[in-house]
All heavy atoms as atom14 arrays in JSON, in Angstrom:
{
  "sequence": "ACYLIVQNAGPRKEVVALGQTYFAVQTLKKEICSQEKK",
  "atom14_mask": [
    [1, 1, 1, 1, 1, 0, 0, 0, 0, 0, 0, 0, 0, 0],
    [1, 1, 1, 1, 1, 1, 0, 0, 0, 0, 0, 0, 0, 0],
    [1, 1, 1, 1, 1, 1, 1, 1, 1, 1, 1, 1, 0, 0],
    [1, 1, 1, 1, 1, 1, 1, 1, 0, 0, 0, 0, 0, 0],
    [1, 1, 1, 1, 1, 1, 1, 1, 0, 0, 0, 0, 0, 0],
    [1, 1, 1, 1, 1, 1, 1, 0, 0, 0, 0, 0, 0, 0],
    [1, 1, 1, 1, 1, 1, 1, 1, 1, 0, 0, 0, 0, 0],
    [1, 1, 1, 1, 1, 1, 1, 1, 0, 0, 0, 0, 0, 0],
    [1, 1, 1, 1, 1, 0, 0, 0, 0, 0, 0, 0, 0, 0],
    [1, 1, 1, 1, 0, 0, 0, 0, 0, 0, 0, 0, 0, 0],
    [1, 1, 1, 1, 1, 1, 1, 0, 0, 0, 0, 0, 0, 0],
    [1, 1, 1, 1, 1, 1, 1, 1, 1, 1, 1, 0, 0, 0],
    [1, 1, 1, 1, 1, 1, 1, 1, 1, 0, 0, 0, 0, 0],
    [1, 1, 1, 1, 1, 1, 1, 1, 1, 0, 0, 0, 0, 0],
    [1, 1, 1, 1, 1, 1, 1, 0, 0, 0, 0, 0, 0, 0],
    [1, 1, 1, 1, 1, 1, 1, 0, 0, 0, 0, 0, 0, 0],
    [1, 1, 1, 1, 1, 0, 0, 0, 0, 0, 0, 0, 0, 0],
    [1, 1, 1, 1, 1, 1, 1, 1, 0, 0, 0, 0, 0, 0],
    [1, 1, 1, 1, 0, 0, 0, 0, 0, 0, 0, 0, 0, 0],
    [1, 1, 1, 1, 1, 1, 1, 1, 1, 0, 0, 0, 0, 0],
    [1, 1, 1, 1, 1, 1, 1, 0, 0, 0, 0, 0, 0, 0],
    [1, 1, 1, 1, 1, 1, 1, 1, 1, 1, 1, 1, 0, 0],
    [1, 1, 1, 1, 1, 1, 1, 1, 1, 1, 1, 0, 0, 0],
    [1, 1, 1, 1, 1, 0, 0, 0, 0, 0, 0, 0, 0, 0],
    [1, 1, 1, 1, 1, 1, 1, 0, 0, 0, 0, 0, 0, 0],
    [1, 1, 1, 1, 1, 1, 1, 1, 1, 0, 0, 0, 0, 0],
    [1, 1, 1, 1, 1, 1, 1, 0, 0, 0, 0, 0, 0, 0],
    [1, 1, 1, 1, 1, 1, 1, 1, 0, 0, 0, 0, 0, 0],
    [1, 1, 1, 1, 1, 1, 1, 1, 1, 0, 0, 0, 0, 0],
    [1, 1, 1, 1, 1, 1, 1, 1, 1, 0, 0, 0, 0, 0],
    [1, 1, 1, 1, 1, 1, 1, 1, 1, 0, 0, 0, 0, 0],
    [1, 1, 1, 1, 1, 1, 1, 1, 0, 0, 0, 0, 0, 0],
    [1, 1, 1, 1, 1, 1, 0, 0, 0, 0, 0, 0, 0, 0],
    [1, 1, 1, 1, 1, 1, 0, 0, 0, 0, 0, 0, 0, 0],
    [1, 1, 1, 1, 1, 1, 1, 1, 1, 0, 0, 0, 0, 0],
    [1, 1, 1, 1, 1, 1, 1, 1, 1, 0, 0, 0, 0, 0],
    [1, 1, 1, 1, 1, 1, 1, 1, 1, 0, 0, 0, 0, 0],
    [1, 1, 1, 1, 1, 1, 1, 1, 1, 0, 0, 0, 0, 0]
  ],
  "atom14_positions": [
    [[-76.98, -18.29, -172.54], [-77.51, -17.24, -173.41], [-77.53, -17.71, -174.86], [-78.52, -17.5, -175.58], [-76.69, -15.97, -173.27], [0.0, 0.0, 0.0], [0.0, 0.0, 0.0], [0.0, 0.0, 0.0], [0.0, 0.0, 0.0], [0.0, 0.0, 0.0], [0.0, 0.0, 0.0], [0.0, 0.0, 0.0], [0.0, 0.0, 0.0], [0.0, 0.0, 0.0]],
    [[-76.45, -18.36, -175.29], [-76.39, -18.87, -176.67], [-77.47, -19.92, -176.9], [-78.12, -19.95, -177.95], [-75.02, -19.46, -176.96], [-73.71, -18.24, -177.03], [0.0, 0.0, 0.0], [0.0, 0.0, 0.0], [0.0, 0.0, 0.0], [0.0, 0.0, 0.0], [0.0, 0.0, 0.0], [0.0, 0.0, 0.0], [0.0, 0.0, 0.0], [0.0, 0.0, 0.0]],
    [[-77.66, -20.77, -175.91], [-78.71, -21.79, -176.0], [-80.08, -21.13, -176.19], [-80.85, -21.52, -177.06], [-78.7, -22.66, -174.74], [-79.84, -23.63, -174.66], [-79.84, -24.8, -175.42], [-80.94, -23.38, -173.83], [-80.9, -25.69, -175.36], [-82.0, -24.26, -173.77], [-81.97, -25.41, -174.54], [-83.03, -26.3, -174.48], [0.0, 0.0, 0.0], [0.0, 0.0, 0.0]],
    [[-80.35, -20.1, -175.39], [-81.64, -19.41, -175.52], [-81.76, -18.69, -176.86], [-82.84, -18.65, -177.45], [-81.82, -18.42, -174.37], [-82.0, -19.04, -172.99], [-82.02, -17.96, -171.92], [-83.26, -19.89, -172.92], [0.0, 0.0, 0.0], [0.0, 0.0, 0.0], [0.0, 0.0, 0.0], [0.0, 0.0, 0.0], [0.0, 0.0, 0.0], [0.0, 0.0, 0.0]],
    [[-80.67, -18.15, -177.34], [-80.69, -17.47, -178.64], [-81.03, -18.46, -179.76], [-81.9, -18.19, -180.59], [-79.36, -16.74, -178.91], [-79.27, -15.49, -178.03], [-79.21, -16.38, -180.39], [-77.92, -14.81, -178.03], [0.0, 0.0, 0.0], [0.0, 0.0, 0.0], [0.0, 0.0, 0.0], [0.0, 0.0, 0.0], [0.0, 0.0, 0.0], [0.0, 0.0, 0.0]],
    [[-80.36, -19.61, -179.79], [-80.65, -20.56, -180.86], [-82.06, -21.14, -180.73], [-82.67, -21.5, -181.73], [-79.59, -21.68, -180.99], [-78.24, -21.11, -181.39], [-79.49, -22.53, -179.75], [0.0, 0.0, 0.0], [0.0, 0.0, 0.0], [0.0, 0.0, 0.0], [0.0, 0.0, 0.0], [0.0, 0.0, 0.0], [0.0, 0.0, 0.0], [0.0, 0.0, 0.0]],
    [[-82.58, -21.19, -179.51], [-83.96, -21.65, -179.34], [-84.96, -20.62, -179.88], [-86.07, -20.98, -180.26], [-84.26, -21.93, -177.86], [-83.51, -23.11, -177.3], [-83.8, -24.41, -178.05], [-84.92, -24.71, -178.41], [-82.75, -25.17, -178.29], [0.0, 0.0, 0.0], [0.0, 0.0, 0.0], [0.0, 0.0, 0.0], [0.0, 0.0, 0.0], [0.0, 0.0, 0.0]],
    [[-84.56, -19.35, -179.92], [-85.44, -18.27, -180.38], [-85.1, -17.8, -181.79], [-85.73, -16.88, -182.3], [-85.36, -17.09, -179.41], [-86.14, -17.35, -178.15], [-87.35, -17.21, -178.13], [-85.45, -17.78, -177.1], [0.0, 0.0, 0.0], [0.0, 0.0, 0.0], [0.0, 0.0, 0.0], [0.0, 0.0, 0.0], [0.0, 0.0, 0.0], [0.0, 0.0, 0.0]],
    [[-84.14, -18.43, -182.43], [-83.72, -18.03, -183.78], [-84.62, -18.67, -184.84], [-85.44, -19.54, -184.54], [-82.26, -18.43, -184.0], [0.0, 0.0, 0.0], [0.0, 0.0, 0.0], [0.0, 0.0, 0.0], [0.0, 0.0, 0.0], [0.0, 0.0, 0.0], [0.0, 0.0, 0.0], [0.0, 0.0, 0.0], [0.0, 0.0, 0.0], [0.0, 0.0, 0.0]],
    [[-84.42, -18.24, -186.08], [-85.22, -18.72, -187.2], [-85.13, -20.23, -187.39], [-84.07, -20.72, -187.78], [0.0, 0.0, 0.0], [0.0, 0.0, 0.0], [0.0, 0.0, 0.0], [0.0, 0.0, 0.0], [0.0, 0.0, 0.0], [0.0, 0.0, 0.0], [0.0, 0.0, 0.0], [0.0, 0.0, 0.0], [0.0, 0.0, 0.0], [0.0, 0.0, 0.0]],
    [[-86.21, -20.95, -187.13], [-86.17, -22.41, -187.18], [-85.96, -22.99, -188.58], [-85.63, -24.16, -188.71], [-87.53, -22.82, -186.61], [-88.42, -21.66, -186.88], [-87.53, -20.44, -186.8], [0.0, 0.0, 0.0], [0.0, 0.0, 0.0], [0.0, 0.0, 0.0], [0.0, 0.0, 0.0], [0.0, 0.0, 0.0], [0.0, 0.0, 0.0], [0.0, 0.0, 0.0]],
    [[-86.11, -22.18, -189.6], [-85.93, -22.69, -190.97], [-84.45, -22.79, -191.36], [-84.12, -23.41, -192.36], [-86.66, -21.8, -191.96], [-88.16, -21.9, -191.8], [-88.87, -21.2, -192.93], [-90.3, -21.32, -192.71], [-91.14, -20.32, -192.79], [-90.72, -19.12, -193.09], [-92.42, -20.51, -192.58], [0.0, 0.0, 0.0], [0.0, 0.0, 0.0], [0.0, 0.0, 0.0]],
    [[-83.6, -22.16, -190.58], [-82.16, -22.18, -190.89], [-81.56, -23.47, -190.34], [-81.65, -23.76, -189.16], [-81.47, -20.97, -190.27], [-81.95, -19.66, -190.83], [-81.25, -18.5, -190.17], [-81.8, -17.2, -190.75], [-80.98, -16.07, -190.39], [0.0, 0.0, 0.0], [0.0, 0.0, 0.0], [0.0, 0.0, 0.0], [0.0, 0.0, 0.0], [0.0, 0.0, 0.0]],
    [[-80.9, -24.21, -191.21], [-80.33, -25.48, -190.79], [-79.22, -25.29, -189.76], [-79.06, -26.11, -188.86], [-79.82, -26.26, -192.01], [-80.96, -26.72, -192.89], [-80.48, -27.51, -194.1], [-79.31, -27.93, -194.13], [-81.3, -27.72, -195.0], [0.0, 0.0, 0.0], [0.0, 0.0, 0.0], [0.0, 0.0, 0.0], [0.0, 0.0, 0.0], [0.0, 0.0, 0.0]],
    [[-78.48, -24.19, -189.88], [-77.4, -23.94, -188.92], [-77.98, -23.67, -187.52], [-77.32, -23.94, -186.52], [-76.46, -22.82, -189.41], [-77.13, -21.45, -189.34], [-75.15, -22.83, -188.65], [0.0, 0.0, 0.0], [0.0, 0.0, 0.0], [0.0, 0.0, 0.0], [0.0, 0.0, 0.0], [0.0, 0.0, 0.0], [0.0, 0.0, 0.0], [0.0, 0.0, 0.0]],
    [[-79.2, -23.17, -187.45], [-79.86, -22.96, -186.16], [-80.12, -24.31, -185.5], [-79.89, -24.48, -184.3], [-81.15, -22.13, -186.31], [-81.97, -22.13, -185.03], [-80.81, -20.69, -186.72], [0.0, 0.0, 0.0], [0.0, 0.0, 0.0], [0.0, 0.0, 0.0], [0.0, 0.0, 0.0], [0.0, 0.0, 0.0], [0.0, 0.0, 0.0], [0.0, 0.0, 0.0]],
    [[-80.59, -25.28, -186.27], [-80.81, -26.62, -185.73], [-79.5, -27.21, -185.22], [-79.46, -27.83, -184.15], [-81.42, -27.53, -186.8], [0.0, 0.0, 0.0], [0.0, 0.0, 0.0], [0.0, 0.0, 0.0], [0.0, 0.0, 0.0], [0.0, 0.0, 0.0], [0.0, 0.0, 0.0], [0.0, 0.0, 0.0], [0.0, 0.0, 0.0], [0.0, 0.0, 0.0]],
    [[-78.43, -26.99, -185.95], [-77.12, -27.44, -185.5], [-76.74, -26.76, -184.19], [-76.25, -27.4, -183.26], [-76.07, -27.15, -186.57], [-74.64, -27.54, -186.25], [-74.5, -29.04, -186.08], [-73.7, -27.04, -187.34], [0.0, 0.0, 0.0], [0.0, 0.0, 0.0], [0.0, 0.0, 0.0], [0.0, 0.0, 0.0], [0.0, 0.0, 0.0], [0.0, 0.0, 0.0]],
    [[-77.0, -25.45, -184.09], [-76.71, -24.71, -182.87], [-77.53, -25.19, -181.69], [-77.03, -25.29, -180.56], [0.0, 0.0, 0.0], [0.0, 0.0, 0.0], [0.0, 0.0, 0.0], [0.0, 0.0, 0.0], [0.0, 0.0, 0.0], [0.0, 0.0, 0.0], [0.0, 0.0, 0.0], [0.0, 0.0, 0.0], [0.0, 0.0, 0.0], [0.0, 0.0, 0.0]],
    [[-78.79, -25.5, -181.94], [-79.65, -26.0, -180.87], [-79.08, -27.3, -180.31], [-79.01, -27.49, -179.1], [-81.07, -26.21, -181.39], [-81.78, -24.92, -181.67], [-83.1, -25.11, -182.4], [-83.35, -26.14, -183.03], [-83.96, -24.1, -182.34], [0.0, 0.0, 0.0], [0.0, 0.0, 0.0], [0.0, 0.0, 0.0], [0.0, 0.0, 0.0], [0.0, 0.0, 0.0]],
    [[-78.66, -28.17, -181.19], [-78.08, -29.45, -180.75], [-76.75, -29.22, -180.05], [-76.5, -29.78, -178.97], [-77.9, -30.39, -181.95], [-79.18, -30.6, -182.55], [-77.29, -31.71, -181.54], [0.0, 0.0, 0.0], [0.0, 0.0, 0.0], [0.0, 0.0, 0.0], [0.0, 0.0, 0.0], [0.0, 0.0, 0.0], [0.0, 0.0, 0.0], [0.0, 0.0, 0.0]],
    [[-75.9, -28.39, -180.65], [-74.57, -28.15, -180.07], [-74.68, -27.61, -178.64], [-74.05, -28.16, -177.73], [-73.79, -27.16, -180.94], [-72.53, -26.67, -180.28], [-71.38, -27.45, -180.27], [-72.49, -25.44, -179.63], [-70.22, -27.01, -179.64], [-71.34, -24.99, -179.0], [-70.22, -25.78, -179.02], [-69.08, -25.34, -178.38], [0.0, 0.0, 0.0], [0.0, 0.0, 0.0]],
    [[-75.47, -26.55, -178.44], [-75.53, -25.95, -177.1], [-76.25, -26.84, -176.1], [-75.9, -26.86, -174.92], [-76.12, -24.54, -177.16], [-75.16, -23.55, -177.74], [-75.32, -23.05, -179.02], [-74.05, -23.14, -177.02], [-74.4, -22.15, -179.57], [-73.12, -22.25, -177.55], [-73.31, -21.75, -178.83], [0.0, 0.0, 0.0], [0.0, 0.0, 0.0], [0.0, 0.0, 0.0]],
    [[-77.23, -27.62, -176.55], [-77.89, -28.55, -175.63], [-76.92, -29.64, -175.19], [-76.83, -29.96, -174.01], [-79.12, -29.17, -176.31], [0.0, 0.0, 0.0], [0.0, 0.0, 0.0], [0.0, 0.0, 0.0], [0.0, 0.0, 0.0], [0.0, 0.0, 0.0], [0.0, 0.0, 0.0], [0.0, 0.0, 0.0], [0.0, 0.0, 0.0], [0.0, 0.0, 0.0]],
    [[-76.17, -30.21, -176.13], [-75.23, -31.28, -175.82], [-74.09, -30.76, -174.95], [-73.71, -31.4, -173.96], [-74.7, -31.94, -177.11], [-73.51, -32.85, -176.82], [-75.81, -32.7, -177.81], [0.0, 0.0, 0.0], [0.0, 0.0, 0.0], [0.0, 0.0, 0.0], [0.0, 0.0, 0.0], [0.0, 0.0, 0.0], [0.0, 0.0, 0.0], [0.0, 0.0, 0.0]],
    [[-73.56, -29.59, -175.27], [-72.45, -29.03, -174.49], [-72.9, -28.72, -173.06], [-72.14, -28.93, -172.11], [-71.88, -27.78, -175.16], [-71.19, -28.06, -176.48], [-70.08, -29.09, -176.35], [-69.26, -29.04, -175.45], [-70.06, -30.04, -177.27], [0.0, 0.0, 0.0], [0.0, 0.0, 0.0], [0.0, 0.0, 0.0], [0.0, 0.0, 0.0], [0.0, 0.0, 0.0]],
    [[-74.12, -28.23, -172.92], [-74.65, -27.93, -171.58], [-74.79, -29.23, -170.79], [-74.41, -29.29, -169.61], [-75.99, -27.2, -171.69], [-75.78, -25.97, -172.38], [-76.59, -26.91, -170.32], [0.0, 0.0, 0.0], [0.0, 0.0, 0.0], [0.0, 0.0, 0.0], [0.0, 0.0, 0.0], [0.0, 0.0, 0.0], [0.0, 0.0, 0.0], [0.0, 0.0, 0.0]],
    [[-75.3, -30.26, -171.43], [-75.44, -31.55, -170.76], [-74.08, -32.1, -170.35], [-73.9, -32.6, -169.23], [-76.17, -32.55, -171.66], [-76.41, -33.93, -171.08], [-77.24, -33.87, -169.8], [-77.1, -34.81, -172.12], [0.0, 0.0, 0.0], [0.0, 0.0, 0.0], [0.0, 0.0, 0.0], [0.0, 0.0, 0.0], [0.0, 0.0, 0.0], [0.0, 0.0, 0.0]],
    [[-73.09, -32.0, -171.23], [-71.74, -32.48, -170.9], [-71.18, -31.75, -169.68], [-70.58, -32.36, -168.8], [-70.8, -32.27, -172.08], [-70.96, -33.27, -173.19], [-69.95, -32.96, -174.3], [-70.07, -33.92, -175.45], [-69.11, -33.58, -176.54], [0.0, 0.0, 0.0], [0.0, 0.0, 0.0], [0.0, 0.0, 0.0], [0.0, 0.0, 0.0], [0.0, 0.0, 0.0]],
    [[-71.37, -30.43, -169.63], [-70.87, -29.64, -168.49], [-71.56, -30.08, -167.2], [-70.92, -30.17, -166.16], [-71.11, -28.15, -168.72], [-70.04, -27.46, -169.48], [-68.79, -27.32, -168.66], [-67.92, -26.26, -169.25], [-66.55, -26.31, -168.9], [0.0, 0.0, 0.0], [0.0, 0.0, 0.0], [0.0, 0.0, 0.0], [0.0, 0.0, 0.0], [0.0, 0.0, 0.0]],
    [[-72.88, -30.31, -167.28], [-73.62, -30.72, -166.09], [-73.14, -32.08, -165.6], [-72.98, -32.29, -164.4], [-75.12, -30.76, -166.39], [-75.74, -29.38, -166.55], [-77.2, -29.44, -166.95], [-77.81, -30.53, -166.91], [-77.73, -28.38, -167.32], [0.0, 0.0, 0.0], [0.0, 0.0, 0.0], [0.0, 0.0, 0.0], [0.0, 0.0, 0.0], [0.0, 0.0, 0.0]],
    [[-72.89, -33.0, -166.52], [-72.41, -34.33, -166.14], [-71.03, -34.23, -165.49], [-70.77, -34.84, -164.45], [-72.4, -35.28, -167.36], [-73.84, -35.61, -167.76], [-71.61, -36.55, -167.06], [-73.96, -36.33, -169.09], [0.0, 0.0, 0.0], [0.0, 0.0, 0.0], [0.0, 0.0, 0.0], [0.0, 0.0, 0.0], [0.0, 0.0, 0.0], [0.0, 0.0, 0.0]],
    [[-70.15, -33.43, -166.08], [-68.81, -33.25, -165.5], [-68.89, -32.64, -164.11], [-68.16, -33.05, -163.2], [-67.95, -32.36, -166.41], [-67.41, -33.18, -167.91], [0.0, 0.0, 0.0], [0.0, 0.0, 0.0], [0.0, 0.0, 0.0], [0.0, 0.0, 0.0], [0.0, 0.0, 0.0], [0.0, 0.0, 0.0], [0.0, 0.0, 0.0], [0.0, 0.0, 0.0]],
    [[-69.79, -31.69, -163.94], [-69.96, -31.05, -162.65], [-70.47, -32.05, -161.62], [-69.99, -32.08, -160.48], [-70.94, -29.88, -162.78], [-71.18, -29.29, -161.54], [0.0, 0.0, 0.0], [0.0, 0.0, 0.0], [0.0, 0.0, 0.0], [0.0, 0.0, 0.0], [0.0, 0.0, 0.0], [0.0, 0.0, 0.0], [0.0, 0.0, 0.0], [0.0, 0.0, 0.0]],
    [[-71.42, -32.89, -162.0], [-71.94, -33.91, -161.09], [-70.87, -34.95, -160.74], [-70.77, -35.37, -159.59], [-73.17, -34.61, -161.71], [-74.38, -33.71, -161.83], [-74.85, -33.19, -160.5], [-74.83, -33.88, -159.49], [-75.26, -31.93, -160.47], [0.0, 0.0, 0.0], [0.0, 0.0, 0.0], [0.0, 0.0, 0.0], [0.0, 0.0, 0.0], [0.0, 0.0, 0.0]],
    [[-70.07, -35.34, -161.74], [-68.99, -36.29, -161.47], [-67.97, -35.71, -160.5], [-67.48, -36.39, -159.62], [-68.3, -36.69, -162.78], [-69.13, -37.6, -163.65], [-68.48, -37.89, -164.98], [-67.5, -37.22, -165.37], [-68.97, -38.82, -165.66], [0.0, 0.0, 0.0], [0.0, 0.0, 0.0], [0.0, 0.0, 0.0], [0.0, 0.0, 0.0], [0.0, 0.0, 0.0]],
    [[-67.68, -34.43, -160.65], [-66.74, -33.76, -159.75], [-67.29, -33.75, -158.32], [-66.56, -34.03, -157.37], [-66.49, -32.34, -160.24], [-65.43, -31.6, -159.49], [-65.18, -30.24, -160.1], [-64.13, -29.47, -159.36], [-63.88, -28.16, -159.95], [0.0, 0.0, 0.0], [0.0, 0.0, 0.0], [0.0, 0.0, 0.0], [0.0, 0.0, 0.0], [0.0, 0.0, 0.0]],
    [[-68.57, -33.46, -158.18], [-69.2, -33.46, -156.85], [-69.15, -34.85, -156.23], [-68.88, -35.0, -155.04], [-70.65, -32.98, -156.95], [-70.79, -31.5, -157.16], [-72.25, -31.1, -157.27], [-72.39, -29.63, -157.61], [-73.81, -29.25, -157.79], [0.0, 0.0, 0.0], [0.0, 0.0, 0.0], [0.0, 0.0, 0.0], [0.0, 0.0, 0.0], [0.0, 0.0, 0.0]]
  ]
}
């Protein structure tokens, strides 16, 4: 949900760009950990 929110937030805000990167990277990390566990 947070990832979708930052994707739909005001693109001119620099903190939004930071949020987009943060939630994308964290999601990827979780997916990799999940795959490693499997």
